[in-house]
Amino acid sequence: MKRIAIFASGSGTNAENIIKYFHGNKFAEVVLVFSNNPNAFVLERASGLNVKSVVFNKKQLKDPNWAAQNVYNLDLDLIVLAGFLWKFPAHLLQQFKNKVLNIHPALLPKYGGKGMYGSHVHKAVVANQESESGITIHYVNEHYDEGAVIFQAKCFVLETDTFNELAAKIHELESKHFPVVIHNILAENG
């Protein structure tokens, strides 16, 4: 069975969706949720779905010894960043080469980079009167939102859309596509 770990910083709707998607099947499972935020609702979601979680701080994440004790030993096939707001450290990217992916709530390369997440992205898209937006699922590298694109899905942005209305459209795309893309990547990589 394929083993997935999720890193998340906030509410955890994508994490919950991924956990539920793989729950009870014999192909893959989410074995652990990591969070840098001890108050993140993702921890409650994980607990409610019987998935263990680990809370860590920035010093721990940057420490290869901490990673060796808490991440490397999990025999992971994939690490999924689902609303994780910190830059992922080089030592983890090296250990899990081409096995760390992220979802971004815009059509990269537009609206990517440091500070461009969640409502910040949607407000910028609406303010710039873009006609479309969407999601990008990409591999993670040492730069924010610059890893190789795996998948994109688009939605129209109406002139009357508020950033909250756009956020709802993006969330719908995330829910529909993120678990399926994860499944496909795991299947392709044997």
N, C-alpha and C. Protein backbone atom coordinates (compact mmCIF):
# COMPACT_ATOMS: atom_id res chain seq x y z
N MET A 1 0.84 -1.18 0.00
CA MET A 1 0.00 0.00 0.00
C MET A 1 0.89 1.25 0.00
N LYS A 2 0.52 2.22 -0.82
CA LYS A 2 1.25 3.49 -0.90
C LYS A 2 0.99 4.31 0.37
N ARG A 3 2.03 5.04 0.78
CA ARG A 3 1.95 5.80 2.04
C ARG A 3 2.13 7.29 1.75
N ILE A 4 1.19 8.08 2.26
CA ILE A 4 1.15 9.53 2.02
C ILE A 4 1.23 10.26 3.36
N ALA A 5 2.00 11.34 3.40
CA ALA A 5 1.95 12.27 4.53
C ALA A 5 1.51 13.62 3.99
N ILE A 6 0.73 14.33 4.79
CA ILE A 6 0.24 15.65 4.40
C ILE A 6 0.81 16.69 5.35
N PHE A 7 1.30 17.78 4.79
CA PHE A 7 1.73 18.94 5.57
C PHE A 7 0.70 20.05 5.34
N ALA A 8 0.15 20.60 6.43
CA ALA A 8 -0.88 21.64 6.33
C ALA A 8 -0.72 22.64 7.45
N SER A 9 -1.17 23.88 7.20
CA SER A 9 -1.04 24.94 8.19
C SER A 9 -2.36 25.47 8.72
N GLY A 10 -3.47 25.14 8.06
CA GLY A 10 -4.73 25.80 8.42
C GLY A 10 -5.90 24.88 8.64
N SER A 11 -6.99 25.20 7.97
CA SER A 11 -8.27 24.55 8.20
C SER A 11 -8.28 23.08 7.80
N GLY A 12 -7.60 22.74 6.71
CA GLY A 12 -7.46 21.34 6.37
C GLY A 12 -8.55 20.74 5.51
N THR A 13 -9.28 21.55 4.74
CA THR A 13 -10.33 20.98 3.90
C THR A 13 -9.73 20.07 2.83
N ASN A 14 -8.61 20.47 2.23
CA ASN A 14 -7.98 19.61 1.23
C ASN A 14 -7.43 18.34 1.88
N ALA A 15 -6.83 18.48 3.05
CA ALA A 15 -6.31 17.30 3.75
C ALA A 15 -7.43 16.32 4.05
N GLU A 16 -8.54 16.83 4.55
CA GLU A 16 -9.69 15.96 4.86
C GLU A 16 -10.19 15.26 3.60
N ASN A 17 -10.28 15.98 2.51
CA ASN A 17 -10.75 15.41 1.25
C ASN A 17 -9.83 14.29 0.78
N ILE A 18 -8.52 14.50 0.90
CA ILE A 18 -7.55 13.49 0.49
C ILE A 18 -7.64 12.26 1.39
N ILE A 19 -7.73 12.48 2.70
CA ILE A 19 -7.84 11.35 3.65
C ILE A 19 -9.09 10.52 3.33
N LYS A 20 -10.21 11.19 3.12
CA LYS A 20 -11.46 10.48 2.83
C LYS A 20 -11.38 9.73 1.50
N TYR A 21 -10.75 10.35 0.51
CA TYR A 21 -10.63 9.72 -0.80
C TYR A 21 -9.91 8.37 -0.71
N PHE A 22 -8.84 8.32 0.08
CA PHE A 22 -8.06 7.09 0.16
C PHE A 22 -8.50 6.16 1.29
N HIS A 23 -9.41 6.62 2.15
CA HIS A 23 -9.83 5.81 3.29
C HIS A 23 -10.51 4.52 2.83
N GLY A 24 -10.03 3.41 3.35
CA GLY A 24 -10.68 2.14 3.10
C GLY A 24 -10.31 1.47 1.78
N ASN A 25 -9.47 2.14 0.95
CA ASN A 25 -9.08 1.41 -0.26
C ASN A 25 -7.73 0.75 -0.02
N LYS A 26 -7.37 -0.16 -0.86
CA LYS A 26 -6.15 -0.93 -0.65
C LYS A 26 -4.97 -0.38 -1.44
N PHE A 27 -5.16 0.77 -2.08
CA PHE A 27 -4.11 1.34 -2.92
C PHE A 27 -3.17 2.27 -2.14
N ALA A 28 -3.76 3.17 -1.35
CA ALA A 28 -2.94 4.16 -0.63
C ALA A 28 -3.67 4.61 0.62
N GLU A 29 -2.90 5.19 1.54
CA GLU A 29 -3.49 5.76 2.76
C GLU A 29 -2.66 6.94 3.23
N VAL A 30 -3.33 7.86 3.89
CA VAL A 30 -2.63 8.96 4.55
C VAL A 30 -2.25 8.45 5.93
N VAL A 31 -0.93 8.40 6.18
CA VAL A 31 -0.46 7.82 7.44
C VAL A 31 -0.19 8.86 8.51
N LEU A 32 -0.02 10.13 8.11
CA LEU A 32 0.28 11.16 9.10
C LEU A 32 0.00 12.54 8.53
N VAL A 33 -0.47 13.44 9.40
CA VAL A 33 -0.63 14.85 9.05
C VAL A 33 0.35 15.64 9.91
N PHE A 34 1.16 16.45 9.26
CA PHE A 34 2.10 17.34 9.93
C PHE A 34 1.56 18.76 9.87
N SER A 35 1.70 19.49 10.97
CA SER A 35 1.30 20.90 10.95
C SER A 35 2.28 21.75 11.75
N ASN A 36 2.53 22.93 11.22
CA ASN A 36 3.37 23.91 11.89
C ASN A 36 2.54 24.82 12.79
N ASN A 37 1.24 24.57 12.85
CA ASN A 37 0.35 25.43 13.61
C ASN A 37 -0.41 24.58 14.63
N PRO A 38 -0.08 24.73 15.92
CA PRO A 38 -0.73 23.90 16.94
C PRO A 38 -2.23 24.15 17.07
N ASN A 39 -2.71 25.28 16.52
CA ASN A 39 -4.14 25.61 16.57
C ASN A 39 -4.87 25.35 15.26
N ALA A 40 -4.20 24.74 14.31
CA ALA A 40 -4.80 24.51 12.99
C ALA A 40 -5.95 23.51 13.10
N PHE A 41 -7.03 23.81 12.44
CA PHE A 41 -8.20 22.93 12.47
C PHE A 41 -7.92 21.60 11.76
N VAL A 42 -6.89 21.58 10.91
CA VAL A 42 -6.53 20.33 10.24
C VAL A 42 -6.23 19.23 11.26
N LEU A 43 -5.73 19.59 12.43
CA LEU A 43 -5.41 18.60 13.46
C LEU A 43 -6.68 17.93 13.98
N GLU A 44 -7.74 18.71 14.14
CA GLU A 44 -9.02 18.13 14.56
C GLU A 44 -9.62 17.26 13.47
N ARG A 45 -9.49 17.73 12.23
CA ARG A 45 -10.01 16.92 11.11
C ARG A 45 -9.28 15.57 11.05
N ALA A 46 -7.96 15.61 11.18
CA ALA A 46 -7.17 14.37 11.13
C ALA A 46 -7.57 13.43 12.26
N SER A 47 -7.69 13.97 13.46
CA SER A 47 -8.06 13.17 14.62
C SER A 47 -9.43 12.52 14.41
N GLY A 48 -10.37 13.30 13.88
CA GLY A 48 -11.71 12.78 13.63
C GLY A 48 -11.75 11.68 12.59
N LEU A 49 -10.71 11.62 11.76
CA LEU A 49 -10.62 10.60 10.72
C LEU A 49 -9.60 9.51 11.08
N ASN A 50 -9.19 9.50 12.36
CA ASN A 50 -8.25 8.49 12.88
C ASN A 50 -6.89 8.50 12.19
N VAL A 51 -6.43 9.69 11.85
CA VAL A 51 -5.09 9.85 11.28
C VAL A 51 -4.25 10.60 12.31
N LYS A 52 -3.10 10.05 12.64
CA LYS A 52 -2.22 10.68 13.61
C LYS A 52 -1.65 11.97 13.04
N SER A 53 -1.26 12.87 13.97
CA SER A 53 -0.67 14.14 13.54
C SER A 53 0.53 14.49 14.41
N VAL A 54 1.38 15.32 13.83
CA VAL A 54 2.57 15.81 14.52
C VAL A 54 2.63 17.31 14.32
N VAL A 55 2.83 18.04 15.40
CA VAL A 55 3.02 19.50 15.34
C VAL A 55 4.50 19.78 15.50
N PHE A 56 5.01 20.69 14.70
CA PHE A 56 6.44 20.99 14.74
C PHE A 56 6.64 22.50 14.60
N ASN A 57 7.87 22.94 14.90
CA ASN A 57 8.20 24.36 14.73
C ASN A 57 9.24 24.51 13.61
N LYS A 58 9.59 25.73 13.30
CA LYS A 58 10.50 26.01 12.19
C LYS A 58 11.88 25.39 12.41
N LYS A 59 12.37 25.46 13.64
CA LYS A 59 13.69 24.89 13.95
C LYS A 59 13.69 23.38 13.69
N GLN A 60 12.63 22.71 14.11
CA GLN A 60 12.54 21.26 13.89
C GLN A 60 12.49 20.93 12.40
N LEU A 61 11.69 21.66 11.66
CA LEU A 61 11.56 21.38 10.23
C LEU A 61 12.90 21.51 9.51
N LYS A 62 13.70 22.47 9.92
CA LYS A 62 14.99 22.69 9.27
C LYS A 62 16.07 21.71 9.73
N ASP A 63 15.77 20.92 10.75
CA ASP A 63 16.76 20.02 11.35
C ASP A 63 16.68 18.63 10.71
N PRO A 64 17.72 18.21 9.97
CA PRO A 64 17.70 16.87 9.37
C PRO A 64 17.57 15.74 10.39
N ASN A 65 18.06 15.95 11.61
CA ASN A 65 17.93 14.92 12.65
C ASN A 65 16.47 14.74 13.06
N TRP A 66 15.74 15.86 13.19
CA TRP A 66 14.31 15.78 13.50
C TRP A 66 13.59 15.04 12.37
N ALA A 67 13.91 15.40 11.14
CA ALA A 67 13.28 14.77 9.98
C ALA A 67 13.57 13.27 9.95
N ALA A 68 14.79 12.89 10.29
CA ALA A 68 15.16 11.47 10.29
C ALA A 68 14.30 10.69 11.29
N GLN A 69 13.99 11.32 12.43
CA GLN A 69 13.21 10.65 13.47
C GLN A 69 11.70 10.70 13.21
N ASN A 70 11.25 11.71 12.45
CA ASN A 70 9.81 11.92 12.31
C ASN A 70 9.24 11.78 10.90
N VAL A 71 10.10 11.86 9.89
CA VAL A 71 9.60 11.83 8.51
C VAL A 71 10.25 10.70 7.71
N TYR A 72 11.56 10.65 7.68
CA TYR A 72 12.27 9.67 6.85
C TYR A 72 11.86 8.24 7.18
N ASN A 73 11.62 7.98 8.45
CA ASN A 73 11.32 6.61 8.88
C ASN A 73 9.90 6.15 8.57
N LEU A 74 9.10 6.98 7.95
CA LEU A 74 7.71 6.62 7.66
C LEU A 74 7.56 5.82 6.37
N ASP A 75 8.64 5.66 5.61
CA ASP A 75 8.61 4.91 4.35
C ASP A 75 7.53 5.48 3.42
N LEU A 76 7.60 6.80 3.20
CA LEU A 76 6.58 7.50 2.42
C LEU A 76 6.79 7.35 0.93
N ASP A 77 5.69 7.26 0.21
CA ASP A 77 5.72 7.28 -1.25
C ASP A 77 5.48 8.68 -1.78
N LEU A 78 4.82 9.54 -0.98
CA LEU A 78 4.50 10.89 -1.43
C LEU A 78 4.26 11.80 -0.22
N ILE A 79 4.73 13.03 -0.35
CA ILE A 79 4.41 14.09 0.62
C ILE A 79 3.55 15.11 -0.12
N VAL A 80 2.42 15.45 0.47
CA VAL A 80 1.48 16.39 -0.13
C VAL A 80 1.41 17.64 0.75
N LEU A 81 1.68 18.79 0.14
CA LEU A 81 1.51 20.07 0.83
C LEU A 81 0.11 20.56 0.49
N ALA A 82 -0.73 20.67 1.50
CA ALA A 82 -2.13 21.06 1.31
C ALA A 82 -2.41 22.27 2.19
N GLY A 83 -2.08 23.44 1.67
CA GLY A 83 -2.23 24.64 2.48
C GLY A 83 -1.11 24.78 3.49
N PHE A 84 0.07 24.34 3.11
CA PHE A 84 1.24 24.47 3.99
C PHE A 84 1.98 25.73 3.58
N LEU A 85 2.20 26.66 4.53
CA LEU A 85 2.63 28.01 4.19
C LEU A 85 4.13 28.26 4.30
N TRP A 86 4.89 27.31 4.80
CA TRP A 86 6.34 27.52 4.91
C TRP A 86 7.07 26.93 3.72
N LYS A 87 8.23 27.49 3.44
CA LYS A 87 9.08 26.92 2.39
C LYS A 87 9.56 25.56 2.87
N PHE A 88 9.48 24.58 1.98
CA PHE A 88 9.87 23.22 2.33
C PHE A 88 11.40 23.12 2.27
N PRO A 89 12.04 22.56 3.30
CA PRO A 89 13.51 22.58 3.37
C PRO A 89 14.19 21.66 2.35
N ALA A 90 15.39 22.09 1.96
CA ALA A 90 16.16 21.37 0.93
C ALA A 90 16.44 19.93 1.33
N HIS A 91 16.74 19.67 2.62
CA HIS A 91 17.08 18.31 3.02
C HIS A 91 15.90 17.35 2.81
N LEU A 92 14.67 17.82 3.00
CA LEU A 92 13.51 16.97 2.75
C LEU A 92 13.27 16.80 1.25
N LEU A 93 13.49 17.86 0.49
CA LEU A 93 13.33 17.75 -0.96
C LEU A 93 14.35 16.78 -1.56
N GLN A 94 15.55 16.75 -1.01
CA GLN A 94 16.57 15.81 -1.48
C GLN A 94 16.21 14.38 -1.11
N GLN A 95 15.73 14.19 0.10
CA GLN A 95 15.35 12.85 0.56
C GLN A 95 14.15 12.29 -0.22
N PHE A 96 13.24 13.19 -0.60
CA PHE A 96 12.02 12.79 -1.30
C PHE A 96 11.97 13.42 -2.69
N LYS A 97 13.00 13.19 -3.46
CA LYS A 97 13.12 13.79 -4.79
C LYS A 97 11.93 13.39 -5.67
N ASN A 98 11.26 14.39 -6.21
CA ASN A 98 10.07 14.20 -7.05
C ASN A 98 8.96 13.43 -6.33
N LYS A 99 8.92 13.59 -5.01
CA LYS A 99 7.86 12.96 -4.23
C LYS A 99 7.17 13.96 -3.30
N VAL A 100 7.35 15.25 -3.58
CA VAL A 100 6.69 16.30 -2.79
C VAL A 100 5.88 17.15 -3.77
N LEU A 101 4.57 17.24 -3.52
CA LEU A 101 3.77 18.07 -4.41
C LEU A 101 2.90 19.03 -3.61
N ASN A 102 2.48 20.08 -4.31
CA ASN A 102 1.73 21.17 -3.70
C ASN A 102 0.55 21.52 -4.61
N ILE A 103 -0.46 22.11 -4.00
CA ILE A 103 -1.55 22.68 -4.79
C ILE A 103 -1.54 24.18 -4.57
N HIS A 104 -1.72 24.93 -5.65
CA HIS A 104 -1.74 26.39 -5.58
C HIS A 104 -3.06 26.89 -6.17
N PRO A 105 -3.70 27.88 -5.52
CA PRO A 105 -5.03 28.32 -5.96
C PRO A 105 -5.00 29.37 -7.07
N ALA A 106 -4.16 29.14 -8.08
CA ALA A 106 -4.11 30.02 -9.25
C ALA A 106 -3.43 29.25 -10.37
N LEU A 107 -3.44 29.84 -11.54
CA LEU A 107 -2.80 29.22 -12.70
C LEU A 107 -1.37 29.72 -12.78
N LEU A 108 -0.48 28.96 -12.14
CA LEU A 108 0.93 29.34 -12.16
C LEU A 108 1.43 29.38 -13.61
N PRO A 109 2.34 30.28 -13.94
CA PRO A 109 3.16 31.07 -13.03
C PRO A 109 2.51 32.34 -12.50
N LYS A 110 1.28 32.65 -12.93
CA LYS A 110 0.61 33.84 -12.41
C LYS A 110 0.27 33.65 -10.94
N TYR A 111 0.39 34.70 -10.17
CA TYR A 111 -0.05 34.77 -8.78
C TYR A 111 0.60 33.72 -7.89
N GLY A 112 1.87 33.46 -8.13
CA GLY A 112 2.63 32.56 -7.28
C GLY A 112 3.69 33.33 -6.52
N GLY A 113 4.41 32.62 -5.67
CA GLY A 113 5.51 33.22 -4.92
C GLY A 113 5.16 33.46 -3.48
N LYS A 114 6.15 33.94 -2.76
CA LYS A 114 6.00 34.18 -1.32
C LYS A 114 4.85 35.15 -1.05
N GLY A 115 4.02 34.79 -0.09
CA GLY A 115 2.90 35.63 0.30
C GLY A 115 1.65 35.45 -0.55
N MET A 116 1.74 34.69 -1.63
CA MET A 116 0.59 34.47 -2.49
C MET A 116 -0.06 33.13 -2.14
N TYR A 117 -1.03 33.20 -1.26
CA TYR A 117 -1.78 32.02 -0.84
C TYR A 117 -3.19 32.44 -0.47
N GLY A 118 -4.12 31.50 -0.55
CA GLY A 118 -5.50 31.71 -0.12
C GLY A 118 -6.13 32.98 -0.65
N SER A 119 -6.71 33.74 0.25
CA SER A 119 -7.46 34.94 -0.14
C SER A 119 -6.56 36.00 -0.78
N HIS A 120 -5.27 36.00 -0.47
CA HIS A 120 -4.36 36.96 -1.11
C HIS A 120 -4.35 36.75 -2.62
N VAL A 121 -4.36 35.48 -3.03
CA VAL A 121 -4.38 35.16 -4.46
C VAL A 121 -5.71 35.58 -5.07
N HIS A 122 -6.81 35.20 -4.44
CA HIS A 122 -8.13 35.49 -5.01
C HIS A 122 -8.39 37.00 -5.10
N LYS A 123 -7.96 37.75 -4.10
CA LYS A 123 -8.13 39.21 -4.14
C LYS A 123 -7.32 39.81 -5.28
N ALA A 124 -6.11 39.32 -5.50
CA ALA A 124 -5.27 39.83 -6.59
C ALA A 124 -5.87 39.49 -7.95
N VAL A 125 -6.39 38.29 -8.12
CA VAL A 125 -7.01 37.88 -9.38
C VAL A 125 -8.21 38.77 -9.70
N VAL A 126 -9.08 38.99 -8.70
CA VAL A 126 -10.27 39.82 -8.89
C VAL A 126 -9.86 41.28 -9.14
N ALA A 127 -8.91 41.80 -8.38
CA ALA A 127 -8.46 43.19 -8.54
C ALA A 127 -7.87 43.44 -9.92
N ASN A 128 -7.21 42.44 -10.48
CA ASN A 128 -6.61 42.58 -11.81
C ASN A 128 -7.57 42.21 -12.94
N GLN A 129 -8.82 41.95 -12.59
CA GLN A 129 -9.88 41.67 -13.55
C GLN A 129 -9.51 40.57 -14.54
N GLU A 130 -8.93 39.50 -13.99
CA GLU A 130 -8.60 38.34 -14.82
C GLU A 130 -9.90 37.68 -15.29
N SER A 131 -9.88 37.09 -16.45
CA SER A 131 -11.07 36.41 -16.97
C SER A 131 -11.12 34.94 -16.56
N GLU A 132 -9.98 34.41 -16.09
CA GLU A 132 -9.96 33.03 -15.63
C GLU A 132 -8.96 32.88 -14.49
N SER A 133 -9.18 31.85 -13.72
CA SER A 133 -8.24 31.45 -12.68
C SER A 133 -8.32 29.93 -12.60
N GLY A 134 -7.82 29.36 -11.52
CA GLY A 134 -7.88 27.92 -11.42
C GLY A 134 -6.93 27.39 -10.37
N ILE A 135 -6.54 26.14 -10.54
CA ILE A 135 -5.60 25.50 -9.62
C ILE A 135 -4.41 24.97 -10.40
N THR A 136 -3.30 24.88 -9.71
CA THR A 136 -2.10 24.25 -10.25
C THR A 136 -1.59 23.26 -9.22
N ILE A 137 -1.41 22.03 -9.65
CA ILE A 137 -0.75 21.02 -8.81
C ILE A 137 0.63 20.85 -9.40
N HIS A 138 1.66 21.00 -8.55
CA HIS A 138 3.02 21.01 -9.05
C HIS A 138 3.97 20.33 -8.07
N TYR A 139 5.10 19.88 -8.61
CA TYR A 139 6.15 19.37 -7.75
C TYR A 139 6.78 20.55 -7.02
N VAL A 140 7.28 20.28 -5.83
CA VAL A 140 7.90 21.32 -5.01
C VAL A 140 9.40 21.30 -5.24
N ASN A 141 9.96 22.50 -5.44
CA ASN A 141 11.41 22.64 -5.47
C ASN A 141 11.81 23.68 -4.44
N GLU A 142 13.05 24.18 -4.52
CA GLU A 142 13.54 25.08 -3.49
C GLU A 142 12.99 26.51 -3.58
N HIS A 143 12.17 26.80 -4.59
CA HIS A 143 11.57 28.12 -4.76
C HIS A 143 10.05 28.03 -4.64
N TYR A 144 9.45 29.07 -4.07
CA TYR A 144 7.99 29.09 -3.94
C TYR A 144 7.32 28.98 -5.31
N ASP A 145 6.48 27.97 -5.46
CA ASP A 145 5.59 27.83 -6.61
C ASP A 145 6.28 27.78 -7.96
N GLU A 146 7.51 27.26 -8.01
CA GLU A 146 8.24 27.21 -9.27
C GLU A 146 8.54 25.79 -9.74
N GLY A 147 8.08 24.78 -9.02
CA GLY A 147 8.32 23.40 -9.42
C GLY A 147 7.52 23.03 -10.67
N ALA A 148 7.91 21.93 -11.30
CA ALA A 148 7.27 21.48 -12.54
C ALA A 148 5.77 21.28 -12.34
N VAL A 149 4.99 21.81 -13.27
CA VAL A 149 3.53 21.69 -13.22
C VAL A 149 3.11 20.27 -13.61
N ILE A 150 2.23 19.70 -12.80
CA ILE A 150 1.69 18.37 -13.04
C ILE A 150 0.32 18.48 -13.70
N PHE A 151 -0.49 19.42 -13.19
CA PHE A 151 -1.90 19.49 -13.61
C PHE A 151 -2.43 20.89 -13.35
N GLN A 152 -3.27 21.38 -14.26
CA GLN A 152 -4.00 22.63 -14.04
C GLN A 152 -5.46 22.44 -14.44
N ALA A 153 -6.35 23.10 -13.72
CA ALA A 153 -7.77 23.15 -14.06
C ALA A 153 -8.21 24.60 -13.96
N LYS A 154 -9.07 25.02 -14.88
CA LYS A 154 -9.45 26.44 -14.97
C LYS A 154 -10.92 26.65 -14.63
N CYS A 155 -11.20 27.88 -14.24
CA CYS A 155 -12.58 28.34 -14.08
C CYS A 155 -12.66 29.78 -14.58
N PHE A 156 -13.85 30.18 -14.99
CA PHE A 156 -14.04 31.56 -15.41
C PHE A 156 -14.17 32.46 -14.19
N VAL A 157 -13.68 33.69 -14.33
CA VAL A 157 -13.88 34.72 -13.31
C VAL A 157 -14.80 35.75 -13.93
N LEU A 158 -15.99 35.87 -13.38
CA LEU A 158 -16.95 36.85 -13.89
C LEU A 158 -16.62 38.24 -13.38
N GLU A 159 -17.01 39.25 -14.13
CA GLU A 159 -16.75 40.64 -13.70
C GLU A 159 -17.40 40.93 -12.36
N THR A 160 -18.47 40.22 -12.06
CA THR A 160 -19.20 40.46 -10.82
C THR A 160 -18.71 39.61 -9.65
N ASP A 161 -17.78 38.70 -9.91
CA ASP A 161 -17.30 37.81 -8.84
C ASP A 161 -16.54 38.58 -7.76
N THR A 162 -16.87 38.26 -6.51
CA THR A 162 -16.07 38.75 -5.39
C THR A 162 -14.95 37.74 -5.16
N PHE A 163 -13.99 38.10 -4.32
CA PHE A 163 -12.92 37.14 -4.06
C PHE A 163 -13.45 35.90 -3.34
N ASN A 164 -14.51 36.06 -2.54
CA ASN A 164 -15.12 34.90 -1.88
C ASN A 164 -15.80 33.97 -2.87
N GLU A 165 -16.45 34.54 -3.87
CA GLU A 165 -17.08 33.72 -4.90
C GLU A 165 -16.02 32.98 -5.72
N LEU A 166 -14.93 33.66 -6.01
CA LEU A 166 -13.83 33.00 -6.72
C LEU A 166 -13.24 31.89 -5.85
N ALA A 167 -13.07 32.17 -4.56
CA ALA A 167 -12.53 31.15 -3.64
C ALA A 167 -13.39 29.89 -3.66
N ALA A 168 -14.71 30.05 -3.72
CA ALA A 168 -15.62 28.89 -3.76
C ALA A 168 -15.41 28.08 -5.05
N LYS A 169 -15.22 28.77 -6.16
CA LYS A 169 -14.96 28.07 -7.43
C LYS A 169 -13.64 27.30 -7.36
N ILE A 170 -12.63 27.92 -6.78
CA ILE A 170 -11.31 27.28 -6.67
C ILE A 170 -11.40 26.07 -5.75
N HIS A 171 -12.11 26.22 -4.64
CA HIS A 171 -12.26 25.10 -3.70
C HIS A 171 -12.94 23.91 -4.38
N GLU A 172 -13.91 24.18 -5.22
CA GLU A 172 -14.60 23.11 -5.95
C GLU A 172 -13.62 22.37 -6.87
N LEU A 173 -12.74 23.12 -7.55
CA LEU A 173 -11.72 22.50 -8.40
C LEU A 173 -10.75 21.66 -7.57
N GLU A 174 -10.34 22.20 -6.42
CA GLU A 174 -9.43 21.45 -5.54
C GLU A 174 -10.05 20.14 -5.11
N SER A 175 -11.29 20.19 -4.66
CA SER A 175 -11.98 18.99 -4.17
C SER A 175 -12.10 17.94 -5.25
N LYS A 176 -12.41 18.38 -6.46
CA LYS A 176 -12.63 17.46 -7.57
C LYS A 176 -11.33 16.81 -8.05
N HIS A 177 -10.26 17.59 -8.14
CA HIS A 177 -9.06 17.13 -8.84
C HIS A 177 -7.90 16.67 -7.96
N PHE A 178 -7.69 17.28 -6.79
CA PHE A 178 -6.47 17.03 -6.03
C PHE A 178 -6.29 15.54 -5.68
N PRO A 179 -7.28 14.87 -5.08
CA PRO A 179 -7.08 13.46 -4.74
C PRO A 179 -6.85 12.58 -5.96
N VAL A 180 -7.52 12.89 -7.06
CA VAL A 180 -7.38 12.08 -8.28
C VAL A 180 -5.97 12.22 -8.85
N VAL A 181 -5.46 13.45 -8.87
CA VAL A 181 -4.09 13.66 -9.37
C VAL A 181 -3.08 12.93 -8.47
N ILE A 182 -3.28 12.98 -7.16
CA ILE A 182 -2.40 12.25 -6.24
C ILE A 182 -2.44 10.75 -6.56
N HIS A 183 -3.63 10.22 -6.73
CA HIS A 183 -3.81 8.80 -7.06
C HIS A 183 -3.05 8.47 -8.36
N ASN A 184 -3.21 9.30 -9.37
CA ASN A 184 -2.56 9.05 -10.67
C ASN A 184 -1.04 9.09 -10.56
N ILE A 185 -0.52 10.03 -9.79
CA ILE A 185 0.94 10.12 -9.61
C ILE A 185 1.46 8.87 -8.93
N LEU A 186 0.79 8.43 -7.90
CA LEU A 186 1.21 7.21 -7.20
C LEU A 186 1.12 6.00 -8.12
N ALA A 187 0.10 5.93 -8.94
CA ALA A 187 -0.06 4.79 -9.85
C ALA A 187 1.02 4.79 -10.94
N GLU A 188 1.36 5.98 -11.44
CA GLU A 188 2.40 6.10 -12.48
C GLU A 188 3.77 5.72 -11.97
N ASN A 189 4.01 6.00 -10.68
CA ASN A 189 5.33 5.74 -10.10
C ASN A 189 5.45 4.33 -9.51
N GLY A 190 4.53 3.47 -9.89
CA GLY A 190 4.61 2.07 -9.50
C GLY A 190 4.42 1.84 -8.06
